[in-house]
């Protein structure tokens, strides 16, 4: 397998797992709100972290061993709060905005997307750690670059596919009950991820 294909497969397999960031992109895709800019933010953020990992900045964790723990605490706190907000939304059941095709403003959406990306310790583990580790098998610059480009491409394909592919589920999301179920599921995912970070 070429370095580019290896990078693509590595990046895609790591990002495929359902996580907080993916759940948020899916929710915005279903609402058809700010999808392009949110996907661009997530994919670009991943690209920066992937390139940092490929270039060898994964060694930062070795220099600062407490960094993963600090990130885990911050990430868990954010996930607990966001999960609680989703449960509250499901409890109140006020989905007039979603059913009318409206959403929070662009900046609020991007701020939440940035928090899901940059406060998530798993993002650093996957990009700086795992992708960076796999890239070490390539010693020459062209092969390492091709690997990085492949991994970055996987991020862009995944996020834009998820964001815009979500609208295929739109016919199912025409009732407040469907949105309530989605919010409960997202809340459960958030709290499960928070528990995993704290364990």
N, C-alpha and C. Protein backbone atom coordinates (compact mmCIF):
# COMPACT_ATOMS: atom_id res chain seq x y z
N UNK A 1 0.85 -1.19 0.00
CA UNK A 1 0.00 0.00 0.00
C UNK A 1 0.89 1.25 0.00
N UNK A 2 0.55 2.23 -0.82
CA UNK A 2 1.34 3.45 -0.91
C UNK A 2 1.22 4.25 0.40
N UNK A 3 2.18 5.13 0.68
CA UNK A 3 2.10 5.95 1.89
C UNK A 3 0.81 6.77 1.97
N UNK A 4 0.35 7.32 0.84
CA UNK A 4 -0.87 8.12 0.84
C UNK A 4 -2.08 7.28 1.23
N UNK A 5 -2.18 6.07 0.67
CA UNK A 5 -3.31 5.19 1.00
C UNK A 5 -3.24 4.72 2.45
N UNK A 6 -2.03 4.47 2.92
CA UNK A 6 -1.85 4.07 4.33
C UNK A 6 -2.30 5.22 5.24
N UNK A 7 -1.90 6.45 4.88
CA UNK A 7 -2.32 7.61 5.66
C UNK A 7 -3.83 7.78 5.66
N UNK A 8 -4.45 7.60 4.49
CA UNK A 8 -5.90 7.74 4.38
C UNK A 8 -6.60 6.69 5.24
N UNK A 9 -6.16 5.44 5.12
CA UNK A 9 -6.78 4.35 5.88
C UNK A 9 -6.59 4.55 7.38
N UNK A 10 -5.40 4.99 7.78
CA UNK A 10 -5.13 5.23 9.20
C UNK A 10 -6.02 6.35 9.73
N UNK A 11 -6.03 7.48 9.03
CA UNK A 11 -6.83 8.62 9.46
C UNK A 11 -8.32 8.29 9.51
N UNK A 12 -8.81 7.60 8.48
CA UNK A 12 -10.24 7.30 8.40
C UNK A 12 -10.66 6.33 9.49
N UNK A 13 -9.83 5.32 9.75
CA UNK A 13 -10.19 4.32 10.77
C UNK A 13 -10.22 4.94 12.16
N UNK A 14 -9.34 5.90 12.43
CA UNK A 14 -9.31 6.54 13.75
C UNK A 14 -10.49 7.48 13.96
N UNK A 15 -10.89 8.17 12.90
CA UNK A 15 -11.93 9.19 13.03
C UNK A 15 -13.34 8.59 12.95
N UNK A 16 -13.43 7.35 12.50
CA UNK A 16 -14.72 6.71 12.25
C UNK A 16 -15.51 6.45 13.52
N UNK A 17 -14.83 6.26 14.64
CA UNK A 17 -15.53 5.97 15.89
C UNK A 17 -16.45 7.12 16.27
N UNK A 18 -17.62 6.77 16.83
CA UNK A 18 -18.57 7.81 17.23
C UNK A 18 -18.02 8.54 18.45
N UNK A 19 -17.86 9.83 18.31
CA UNK A 19 -17.36 10.64 19.41
C UNK A 19 -18.14 11.92 19.53
N UNK A 20 -17.73 12.76 20.46
CA UNK A 20 -18.44 14.00 20.72
C UNK A 20 -18.45 14.91 19.49
N UNK A 21 -17.30 15.04 18.85
CA UNK A 21 -17.17 15.91 17.68
C UNK A 21 -18.07 15.41 16.55
N UNK A 22 -18.03 14.11 16.30
CA UNK A 22 -18.83 13.53 15.22
C UNK A 22 -20.33 13.69 15.49
N UNK A 23 -20.72 13.49 16.76
CA UNK A 23 -22.13 13.62 17.12
C UNK A 23 -22.61 15.06 16.89
N UNK A 24 -21.76 16.03 17.20
CA UNK A 24 -22.14 17.43 17.00
C UNK A 24 -22.27 17.76 15.51
N UNK A 25 -21.33 17.28 14.71
CA UNK A 25 -21.40 17.51 13.26
C UNK A 25 -22.66 16.86 12.69
N UNK A 26 -22.97 15.65 13.16
CA UNK A 26 -24.18 14.96 12.71
C UNK A 26 -25.42 15.76 13.05
N UNK A 27 -25.47 16.28 14.28
CA UNK A 27 -26.64 17.06 14.72
C UNK A 27 -26.81 18.32 13.87
N UNK A 28 -25.70 19.01 13.59
CA UNK A 28 -25.78 20.21 12.75
C UNK A 28 -26.14 19.86 11.31
N UNK A 29 -25.65 18.71 10.85
CA UNK A 29 -26.00 18.27 9.50
C UNK A 29 -27.49 17.99 9.38
N UNK A 30 -28.05 17.39 10.43
CA UNK A 30 -29.49 17.12 10.44
C UNK A 30 -30.29 18.42 10.45
N UNK A 31 -29.77 19.40 11.18
CA UNK A 31 -30.44 20.71 11.24
C UNK A 31 -30.16 21.55 9.99
N UNK A 32 -29.21 21.10 9.17
CA UNK A 32 -28.79 21.82 7.96
C UNK A 32 -28.37 23.25 8.28
N UNK A 33 -27.60 23.39 9.35
CA UNK A 33 -27.20 24.71 9.80
C UNK A 33 -25.69 24.83 9.91
N UNK A 34 -25.12 25.76 9.16
CA UNK A 34 -23.68 26.06 9.21
C UNK A 34 -22.81 24.83 8.94
N UNK A 35 -23.30 23.93 8.11
CA UNK A 35 -22.63 22.66 7.88
C UNK A 35 -21.25 22.86 7.24
N UNK A 36 -21.19 23.68 6.20
CA UNK A 36 -19.92 23.86 5.50
C UNK A 36 -18.83 24.38 6.44
N UNK A 37 -19.16 25.46 7.18
CA UNK A 37 -18.14 26.09 8.02
C UNK A 37 -17.73 25.20 9.19
N UNK A 38 -18.69 24.45 9.73
CA UNK A 38 -18.37 23.53 10.82
C UNK A 38 -17.48 22.40 10.33
N UNK A 39 -17.81 21.82 9.19
CA UNK A 39 -16.99 20.75 8.61
C UNK A 39 -15.59 21.26 8.28
N UNK A 40 -15.52 22.47 7.74
CA UNK A 40 -14.22 23.06 7.41
C UNK A 40 -13.39 23.26 8.68
N UNK A 41 -14.02 23.75 9.74
CA UNK A 41 -13.32 23.95 11.01
C UNK A 41 -12.77 22.63 11.55
N UNK A 42 -13.61 21.60 11.59
CA UNK A 42 -13.19 20.30 12.13
C UNK A 42 -12.09 19.67 11.29
N UNK A 43 -12.26 19.69 9.98
CA UNK A 43 -11.27 19.07 9.10
C UNK A 43 -9.94 19.83 9.12
N UNK A 44 -10.00 21.16 9.14
CA UNK A 44 -8.78 21.96 9.17
C UNK A 44 -8.05 21.77 10.50
N UNK A 45 -8.81 21.73 11.60
CA UNK A 45 -8.19 21.49 12.91
C UNK A 45 -7.49 20.13 12.92
N UNK A 46 -8.18 19.12 12.41
CA UNK A 46 -7.57 17.79 12.32
C UNK A 46 -6.32 17.82 11.46
N UNK A 47 -6.39 18.55 10.35
CA UNK A 47 -5.23 18.63 9.45
C UNK A 47 -4.02 19.21 10.18
N UNK A 48 -4.23 20.27 10.94
CA UNK A 48 -3.12 20.89 11.68
C UNK A 48 -2.53 19.91 12.69
N UNK A 49 -3.39 19.19 13.40
CA UNK A 49 -2.91 18.24 14.40
C UNK A 49 -2.23 17.04 13.76
N UNK A 50 -2.77 16.57 12.64
CA UNK A 50 -2.16 15.44 11.93
C UNK A 50 -0.77 15.81 11.45
N UNK A 51 -0.64 16.99 10.84
CA UNK A 51 0.66 17.42 10.34
C UNK A 51 1.66 17.59 11.50
N UNK A 52 1.16 18.09 12.64
CA UNK A 52 2.03 18.21 13.81
C UNK A 52 2.49 16.83 14.27
N UNK A 53 1.58 15.86 14.25
CA UNK A 53 1.94 14.50 14.63
C UNK A 53 2.96 13.88 13.69
N UNK A 54 2.74 14.07 12.39
CA UNK A 54 3.65 13.53 11.38
C UNK A 54 5.03 14.19 11.49
N UNK A 55 5.04 15.47 11.85
CA UNK A 55 6.31 16.18 11.97
C UNK A 55 7.04 15.87 13.28
N UNK A 56 6.39 15.12 14.17
CA UNK A 56 7.09 14.65 15.35
C UNK A 56 6.80 15.35 16.65
N UNK A 57 5.71 16.13 16.70
CA UNK A 57 5.42 16.84 17.94
C UNK A 57 4.74 15.96 19.00
N UNK A 58 4.54 14.68 18.65
CA UNK A 58 4.00 13.75 19.63
C UNK A 58 4.91 13.62 20.83
N UNK A 59 6.19 14.00 20.65
CA UNK A 59 7.16 13.91 21.75
C UNK A 59 6.85 14.91 22.86
N UNK A 60 5.94 15.86 22.60
CA UNK A 60 5.57 16.85 23.63
C UNK A 60 5.03 16.14 24.87
N UNK A 61 4.26 15.07 24.63
CA UNK A 61 3.67 14.34 25.73
C UNK A 61 4.75 13.72 26.62
N UNK A 62 5.86 13.31 25.99
CA UNK A 62 6.97 12.77 26.76
C UNK A 62 7.60 13.84 27.64
N UNK A 63 7.67 15.06 27.11
CA UNK A 63 8.25 16.16 27.88
C UNK A 63 7.32 16.63 28.99
N UNK A 64 6.01 16.55 28.76
CA UNK A 64 5.02 17.00 29.75
C UNK A 64 4.05 15.86 30.06
N UNK A 65 4.46 14.92 30.91
CA UNK A 65 3.64 13.73 31.16
C UNK A 65 2.26 14.02 31.77
N UNK A 66 2.09 15.16 32.43
CA UNK A 66 0.79 15.49 33.03
C UNK A 66 -0.20 16.07 32.02
N UNK A 67 0.28 16.43 30.83
CA UNK A 67 -0.57 17.07 29.83
C UNK A 67 -1.80 16.22 29.47
N UNK A 68 -1.66 14.92 29.21
CA UNK A 68 -2.85 14.12 28.88
C UNK A 68 -3.88 14.12 30.01
N UNK A 69 -3.42 14.10 31.26
CA UNK A 69 -4.34 14.09 32.39
C UNK A 69 -5.10 15.41 32.50
N UNK A 70 -4.39 16.51 32.31
CA UNK A 70 -5.02 17.83 32.37
C UNK A 70 -6.06 17.97 31.25
N UNK A 71 -5.70 17.51 30.04
CA UNK A 71 -6.63 17.57 28.92
C UNK A 71 -7.84 16.68 29.18
N UNK A 72 -7.62 15.53 29.82
CA UNK A 72 -8.72 14.61 30.12
C UNK A 72 -9.72 15.26 31.08
N UNK A 73 -9.21 15.96 32.11
CA UNK A 73 -10.11 16.62 33.07
C UNK A 73 -10.92 17.73 32.39
N UNK A 74 -10.23 18.56 31.60
CA UNK A 74 -10.93 19.64 30.90
C UNK A 74 -11.95 19.10 29.91
N UNK A 75 -11.56 18.08 29.16
CA UNK A 75 -12.46 17.48 28.18
C UNK A 75 -13.66 16.83 28.84
N UNK A 76 -13.44 16.13 29.96
CA UNK A 76 -14.54 15.47 30.67
C UNK A 76 -15.54 16.50 31.20
N UNK A 77 -15.03 17.61 31.76
CA UNK A 77 -15.91 18.65 32.28
C UNK A 77 -16.80 19.21 31.16
N UNK A 78 -16.20 19.46 30.00
CA UNK A 78 -16.96 19.99 28.87
C UNK A 78 -18.01 18.99 28.41
N UNK A 79 -17.65 17.70 28.33
CA UNK A 79 -18.59 16.68 27.87
C UNK A 79 -19.75 16.50 28.84
N UNK A 80 -19.47 16.58 30.14
CA UNK A 80 -20.53 16.45 31.15
C UNK A 80 -21.54 17.59 30.99
N UNK A 81 -21.04 18.81 30.83
CA UNK A 81 -21.93 19.97 30.68
C UNK A 81 -22.74 19.87 29.40
N UNK A 82 -22.08 19.54 28.28
CA UNK A 82 -22.81 19.47 27.00
C UNK A 82 -23.82 18.32 27.03
N UNK A 83 -23.44 17.18 27.63
CA UNK A 83 -24.39 16.07 27.77
C UNK A 83 -25.61 16.49 28.57
N UNK A 84 -25.39 17.23 29.66
CA UNK A 84 -26.50 17.71 30.49
C UNK A 84 -27.41 18.65 29.68
N UNK A 85 -26.82 19.48 28.84
CA UNK A 85 -27.61 20.38 27.99
C UNK A 85 -28.49 19.60 27.01
N UNK A 86 -27.96 18.50 26.49
CA UNK A 86 -28.74 17.67 25.57
C UNK A 86 -29.89 16.98 26.30
N UNK A 87 -29.62 16.50 27.52
CA UNK A 87 -30.68 15.87 28.31
C UNK A 87 -31.76 16.90 28.66
N UNK A 88 -31.34 18.12 29.01
CA UNK A 88 -32.30 19.17 29.33
C UNK A 88 -33.15 19.51 28.10
N UNK A 89 -32.51 19.56 26.92
CA UNK A 89 -33.26 19.84 25.69
C UNK A 89 -34.29 18.74 25.43
N UNK A 90 -33.89 17.50 25.66
CA UNK A 90 -34.81 16.37 25.45
C UNK A 90 -35.97 16.43 26.45
N UNK A 91 -35.68 16.83 27.70
CA UNK A 91 -36.69 16.93 28.74
C UNK A 91 -37.71 18.03 28.41
N UNK A 92 -37.19 19.18 27.98
CA UNK A 92 -38.07 20.31 27.68
C UNK A 92 -38.82 20.11 26.37
N UNK A 93 -38.17 19.43 25.42
CA UNK A 93 -38.84 19.09 24.16
C UNK A 93 -39.20 20.27 23.28
N UNK A 94 -38.46 21.36 23.41
CA UNK A 94 -38.75 22.55 22.59
C UNK A 94 -37.89 22.52 21.33
N UNK A 95 -38.44 21.96 20.26
CA UNK A 95 -37.68 21.78 19.03
C UNK A 95 -38.25 22.59 17.87
N UNK A 96 -38.90 23.69 18.21
CA UNK A 96 -39.50 24.52 17.15
C UNK A 96 -38.43 25.03 16.18
N UNK A 97 -37.26 25.43 16.74
CA UNK A 97 -36.18 25.94 15.88
C UNK A 97 -35.71 24.88 14.89
N UNK A 98 -35.45 23.65 15.40
CA UNK A 98 -34.96 22.58 14.55
C UNK A 98 -35.98 22.20 13.48
N UNK A 99 -37.24 22.10 13.89
CA UNK A 99 -38.28 21.71 12.94
C UNK A 99 -38.54 22.81 11.92
N UNK A 100 -38.23 24.05 12.28
CA UNK A 100 -38.39 25.17 11.34
C UNK A 100 -37.12 25.39 10.52
N UNK A 101 -36.11 24.54 10.76
CA UNK A 101 -34.86 24.66 10.00
C UNK A 101 -33.95 25.76 10.50
N UNK A 102 -34.13 26.19 11.77
CA UNK A 102 -33.29 27.25 12.33
C UNK A 102 -32.28 26.65 13.29
N UNK A 103 -31.26 27.44 13.64
CA UNK A 103 -30.21 26.94 14.52
C UNK A 103 -29.58 28.11 15.26
N UNK A 104 -28.64 27.79 16.15
CA UNK A 104 -27.85 28.83 16.80
C UNK A 104 -27.03 29.56 15.73
N UNK A 105 -26.50 30.72 16.08
CA UNK A 105 -25.71 31.51 15.14
C UNK A 105 -24.42 30.80 14.72
N UNK A 106 -23.83 31.31 13.67
CA UNK A 106 -22.60 30.71 13.12
C UNK A 106 -21.48 30.70 14.15
N UNK A 107 -21.24 31.82 14.85
CA UNK A 107 -20.11 31.89 15.77
C UNK A 107 -20.30 30.98 16.96
N UNK A 108 -21.53 30.88 17.44
CA UNK A 108 -21.81 29.97 18.56
C UNK A 108 -21.59 28.52 18.14
N UNK A 109 -21.99 28.20 16.92
CA UNK A 109 -21.80 26.85 16.40
C UNK A 109 -20.32 26.53 16.25
N UNK A 110 -19.56 27.48 15.69
CA UNK A 110 -18.13 27.26 15.50
C UNK A 110 -17.39 27.18 16.83
N UNK A 111 -17.82 27.98 17.81
CA UNK A 111 -17.18 27.93 19.14
C UNK A 111 -17.40 26.56 19.78
N UNK A 112 -18.60 26.02 19.65
CA UNK A 112 -18.88 24.70 20.19
C UNK A 112 -18.09 23.63 19.44
N UNK A 113 -18.02 23.75 18.11
CA UNK A 113 -17.24 22.80 17.31
C UNK A 113 -15.76 22.85 17.67
N UNK A 114 -15.24 24.06 17.91
CA UNK A 114 -13.84 24.20 18.31
C UNK A 114 -13.59 23.57 19.67
N UNK A 115 -14.54 23.73 20.59
CA UNK A 115 -14.40 23.12 21.92
C UNK A 115 -14.39 21.60 21.81
N UNK A 116 -15.29 21.04 20.99
CA UNK A 116 -15.31 19.59 20.80
C UNK A 116 -14.01 19.08 20.19
N UNK A 117 -13.37 19.91 19.39
CA UNK A 117 -12.13 19.50 18.74
C UNK A 117 -10.93 19.67 19.66
N UNK A 118 -10.74 20.86 20.17
CA UNK A 118 -9.50 21.19 20.87
C UNK A 118 -9.50 20.82 22.35
N UNK A 119 -10.68 20.55 22.93
CA UNK A 119 -10.74 20.12 24.33
C UNK A 119 -10.89 18.61 24.47
N UNK A 120 -10.78 17.92 23.36
CA UNK A 120 -10.95 16.47 23.36
C UNK A 120 -9.58 15.78 23.38
N UNK A 121 -9.18 15.16 24.48
CA UNK A 121 -7.87 14.50 24.56
C UNK A 121 -7.69 13.41 23.52
N UNK A 122 -8.81 12.76 23.13
CA UNK A 122 -8.69 11.68 22.14
C UNK A 122 -8.23 12.19 20.79
N UNK A 123 -8.57 13.45 20.49
CA UNK A 123 -8.10 14.04 19.23
C UNK A 123 -6.57 14.10 19.21
N UNK A 124 -5.99 14.48 20.34
CA UNK A 124 -4.54 14.57 20.43
C UNK A 124 -3.90 13.18 20.40
N UNK A 125 -4.54 12.23 21.08
CA UNK A 125 -4.03 10.86 21.07
C UNK A 125 -4.02 10.30 19.65
N UNK A 126 -5.15 10.51 18.94
CA UNK A 126 -5.27 9.97 17.58
C UNK A 126 -4.32 10.66 16.60
N UNK A 127 -4.27 12.00 16.64
CA UNK A 127 -3.51 12.73 15.63
C UNK A 127 -2.03 12.84 15.98
N UNK A 128 -1.74 13.42 17.14
CA UNK A 128 -0.34 13.58 17.53
C UNK A 128 0.31 12.24 17.87
N UNK A 129 -0.48 11.38 18.53
CA UNK A 129 0.09 10.12 19.00
C UNK A 129 0.08 9.02 17.95
N UNK A 130 -1.12 8.51 17.63
CA UNK A 130 -1.21 7.33 16.76
C UNK A 130 -0.81 7.60 15.31
N UNK A 131 -1.36 8.67 14.73
CA UNK A 131 -0.98 8.99 13.34
C UNK A 131 0.51 9.31 13.28
N UNK A 132 0.99 10.06 14.28
CA UNK A 132 2.41 10.37 14.33
C UNK A 132 3.27 9.12 14.44
N UNK A 133 2.80 8.16 15.26
CA UNK A 133 3.56 6.91 15.43
C UNK A 133 3.60 6.10 14.14
N UNK A 134 2.46 5.99 13.46
CA UNK A 134 2.42 5.22 12.21
C UNK A 134 3.31 5.87 11.15
N UNK A 135 3.38 7.20 11.18
CA UNK A 135 4.17 7.92 10.16
C UNK A 135 5.68 7.68 10.31
N UNK A 136 6.11 7.20 11.48
CA UNK A 136 7.55 7.01 11.70
C UNK A 136 8.13 5.90 10.83
N UNK A 137 7.26 5.06 10.24
CA UNK A 137 7.78 4.01 9.35
C UNK A 137 8.33 4.59 8.05
N UNK A 138 7.97 5.85 7.77
CA UNK A 138 8.46 6.51 6.56
C UNK A 138 9.57 7.48 6.95
N UNK A 139 10.76 7.22 6.45
CA UNK A 139 11.92 8.03 6.84
C UNK A 139 12.20 9.16 5.85
N UNK A 140 11.86 8.97 4.56
CA UNK A 140 12.14 10.04 3.60
C UNK A 140 10.98 11.02 3.54
N UNK A 141 11.29 12.27 3.27
CA UNK A 141 10.32 13.36 3.30
C UNK A 141 9.15 13.15 2.33
N UNK A 142 9.37 12.75 1.06
CA UNK A 142 8.23 12.58 0.14
C UNK A 142 7.21 11.55 0.65
N UNK A 143 7.69 10.42 1.17
CA UNK A 143 6.78 9.37 1.66
C UNK A 143 6.03 9.86 2.90
N UNK A 144 6.75 10.53 3.81
CA UNK A 144 6.12 11.05 5.03
C UNK A 144 5.07 12.11 4.68
N UNK A 145 5.39 12.95 3.69
CA UNK A 145 4.44 13.97 3.24
C UNK A 145 3.20 13.35 2.64
N UNK A 146 3.40 12.31 1.81
CA UNK A 146 2.27 11.62 1.18
C UNK A 146 1.38 10.98 2.23
N UNK A 147 2.00 10.40 3.25
CA UNK A 147 1.23 9.79 4.35
C UNK A 147 0.38 10.85 5.04
N UNK A 148 0.99 12.00 5.35
CA UNK A 148 0.27 13.09 6.01
C UNK A 148 -0.87 13.60 5.17
N UNK A 149 -0.64 13.76 3.87
CA UNK A 149 -1.69 14.24 2.96
C UNK A 149 -2.85 13.24 2.91
N UNK A 150 -2.51 11.95 2.90
CA UNK A 150 -3.54 10.91 2.91
C UNK A 150 -4.41 10.98 4.15
N UNK A 151 -3.77 11.16 5.32
CA UNK A 151 -4.52 11.24 6.58
C UNK A 151 -5.39 12.50 6.63
N UNK A 152 -4.85 13.61 6.14
CA UNK A 152 -5.60 14.87 6.12
C UNK A 152 -6.81 14.74 5.17
N UNK A 153 -6.60 14.11 4.02
CA UNK A 153 -7.69 13.90 3.06
C UNK A 153 -8.82 13.10 3.69
N UNK A 154 -8.45 12.08 4.49
CA UNK A 154 -9.47 11.26 5.16
C UNK A 154 -10.34 12.12 6.06
N UNK A 155 -9.73 13.08 6.76
CA UNK A 155 -10.49 13.96 7.64
C UNK A 155 -11.51 14.79 6.86
N UNK A 156 -11.05 15.38 5.77
CA UNK A 156 -11.95 16.20 4.95
C UNK A 156 -13.08 15.37 4.37
N UNK A 157 -12.76 14.17 3.86
CA UNK A 157 -13.79 13.29 3.29
C UNK A 157 -14.80 12.90 4.36
N UNK A 158 -14.30 12.55 5.55
CA UNK A 158 -15.19 12.09 6.61
C UNK A 158 -16.12 13.20 7.08
N UNK A 159 -15.56 14.35 7.45
CA UNK A 159 -16.39 15.40 8.03
C UNK A 159 -17.42 15.95 7.05
N UNK A 160 -17.00 16.19 5.81
CA UNK A 160 -17.95 16.70 4.83
C UNK A 160 -18.97 15.62 4.45
N UNK A 161 -18.53 14.36 4.42
CA UNK A 161 -19.47 13.26 4.16
C UNK A 161 -20.50 13.14 5.28
N UNK A 162 -20.05 13.27 6.52
CA UNK A 162 -20.96 13.18 7.67
C UNK A 162 -21.91 14.38 7.72
N UNK A 163 -21.35 15.57 7.56
CA UNK A 163 -22.16 16.78 7.64
C UNK A 163 -23.25 16.85 6.58
N UNK A 164 -22.87 16.58 5.34
CA UNK A 164 -23.84 16.66 4.25
C UNK A 164 -24.63 15.38 4.07
N UNK A 165 -24.04 14.24 4.49
CA UNK A 165 -24.76 12.97 4.40
C UNK A 165 -25.89 12.88 5.41
N UNK A 166 -25.78 13.66 6.49
CA UNK A 166 -26.81 13.63 7.55
C UNK A 166 -28.18 13.99 7.01
N UNK A 167 -28.21 14.81 5.96
CA UNK A 167 -29.52 15.24 5.45
C UNK A 167 -30.31 14.08 4.85
N UNK A 168 -29.64 12.95 4.59
CA UNK A 168 -30.36 11.76 4.12
C UNK A 168 -31.30 11.24 5.21
N UNK A 169 -30.98 11.57 6.47
CA UNK A 169 -31.83 11.17 7.59
C UNK A 169 -32.93 12.20 7.88
N UNK A 170 -32.90 13.31 7.15
CA UNK A 170 -33.83 14.41 7.41
C UNK A 170 -35.30 13.97 7.42
N UNK A 171 -35.73 13.08 6.50
CA UNK A 171 -37.15 12.67 6.55
C UNK A 171 -37.55 12.04 7.88
N UNK A 172 -36.58 11.40 8.55
CA UNK A 172 -36.86 10.75 9.84
C UNK A 172 -36.96 11.80 10.95
N UNK A 173 -36.29 12.94 10.75
CA UNK A 173 -36.18 13.96 11.81
C UNK A 173 -37.23 15.06 11.67
N UNK A 174 -38.44 14.68 11.30
CA UNK A 174 -39.51 15.68 11.09
C UNK A 174 -40.42 15.84 12.29
N UNK A 175 -40.04 15.22 13.43
CA UNK A 175 -40.88 15.34 14.62
C UNK A 175 -40.03 15.68 15.83
N UNK A 176 -40.67 16.30 16.82
CA UNK A 176 -39.97 16.63 18.06
C UNK A 176 -39.51 15.35 18.76
N UNK A 177 -40.28 14.29 18.64
CA UNK A 177 -39.92 13.02 19.27
C UNK A 177 -38.60 12.49 18.73
N UNK A 178 -38.39 12.59 17.42
CA UNK A 178 -37.15 12.11 16.82
C UNK A 178 -35.96 12.92 17.32
N UNK A 179 -36.13 14.24 17.44
CA UNK A 179 -35.05 15.10 17.95
C UNK A 179 -34.77 14.80 19.42
N UNK A 180 -35.85 14.48 20.16
CA UNK A 180 -35.69 14.14 21.59
C UNK A 180 -34.85 12.87 21.72
N UNK A 181 -35.15 11.87 20.92
CA UNK A 181 -34.39 10.61 20.94
C UNK A 181 -32.92 10.87 20.59
N UNK A 182 -32.70 11.70 19.55
CA UNK A 182 -31.33 12.02 19.14
C UNK A 182 -30.58 12.71 20.28
N UNK A 183 -31.22 13.67 20.95
CA UNK A 183 -30.56 14.38 22.04
C UNK A 183 -30.23 13.46 23.21
N UNK A 184 -31.13 12.54 23.52
CA UNK A 184 -30.86 11.58 24.60
C UNK A 184 -29.66 10.70 24.22
N UNK A 185 -29.63 10.23 22.98
CA UNK A 185 -28.50 9.40 22.53
C UNK A 185 -27.19 10.18 22.59
N UNK A 186 -27.22 11.43 22.13
CA UNK A 186 -26.01 12.26 22.16
C UNK A 186 -25.58 12.51 23.61
N UNK A 187 -26.54 12.79 24.49
CA UNK A 187 -26.23 12.98 25.90
C UNK A 187 -25.57 11.76 26.50
N UNK A 188 -26.08 10.58 26.17
CA UNK A 188 -25.49 9.33 26.68
C UNK A 188 -24.07 9.14 26.16
N UNK A 189 -23.85 9.45 24.88
CA UNK A 189 -22.51 9.34 24.30
C UNK A 189 -21.55 10.29 25.02
N UNK A 190 -21.99 11.53 25.25
CA UNK A 190 -21.14 12.52 25.92
C UNK A 190 -20.75 12.05 27.32
N UNK A 191 -21.72 11.56 28.07
CA UNK A 191 -21.43 11.15 29.45
C UNK A 191 -20.59 9.87 29.49
N UNK A 192 -20.81 8.98 28.53
CA UNK A 192 -19.99 7.76 28.46
C UNK A 192 -18.54 8.12 28.16
N UNK A 193 -18.34 9.07 27.24
CA UNK A 193 -16.98 9.52 26.92
C UNK A 193 -16.33 10.22 28.10
N UNK A 194 -17.13 11.02 28.83
CA UNK A 194 -16.60 11.71 30.02
C UNK A 194 -16.17 10.70 31.08
N UNK A 195 -17.00 9.66 31.28
CA UNK A 195 -16.67 8.63 32.27
C UNK A 195 -15.39 7.90 31.87
N UNK A 196 -15.26 7.65 30.58
CA UNK A 196 -14.04 6.98 30.09
C UNK A 196 -12.81 7.83 30.32
N UNK A 197 -12.94 9.14 30.12
CA UNK A 197 -11.81 10.05 30.32
C UNK A 197 -11.41 10.10 31.79
N UNK A 198 -12.38 10.03 32.70
CA UNK A 198 -12.11 10.15 34.12
C UNK A 198 -11.69 8.83 34.77
N UNK A 199 -11.93 7.72 34.07
CA UNK A 199 -11.60 6.42 34.67
C UNK A 199 -10.11 6.11 34.55
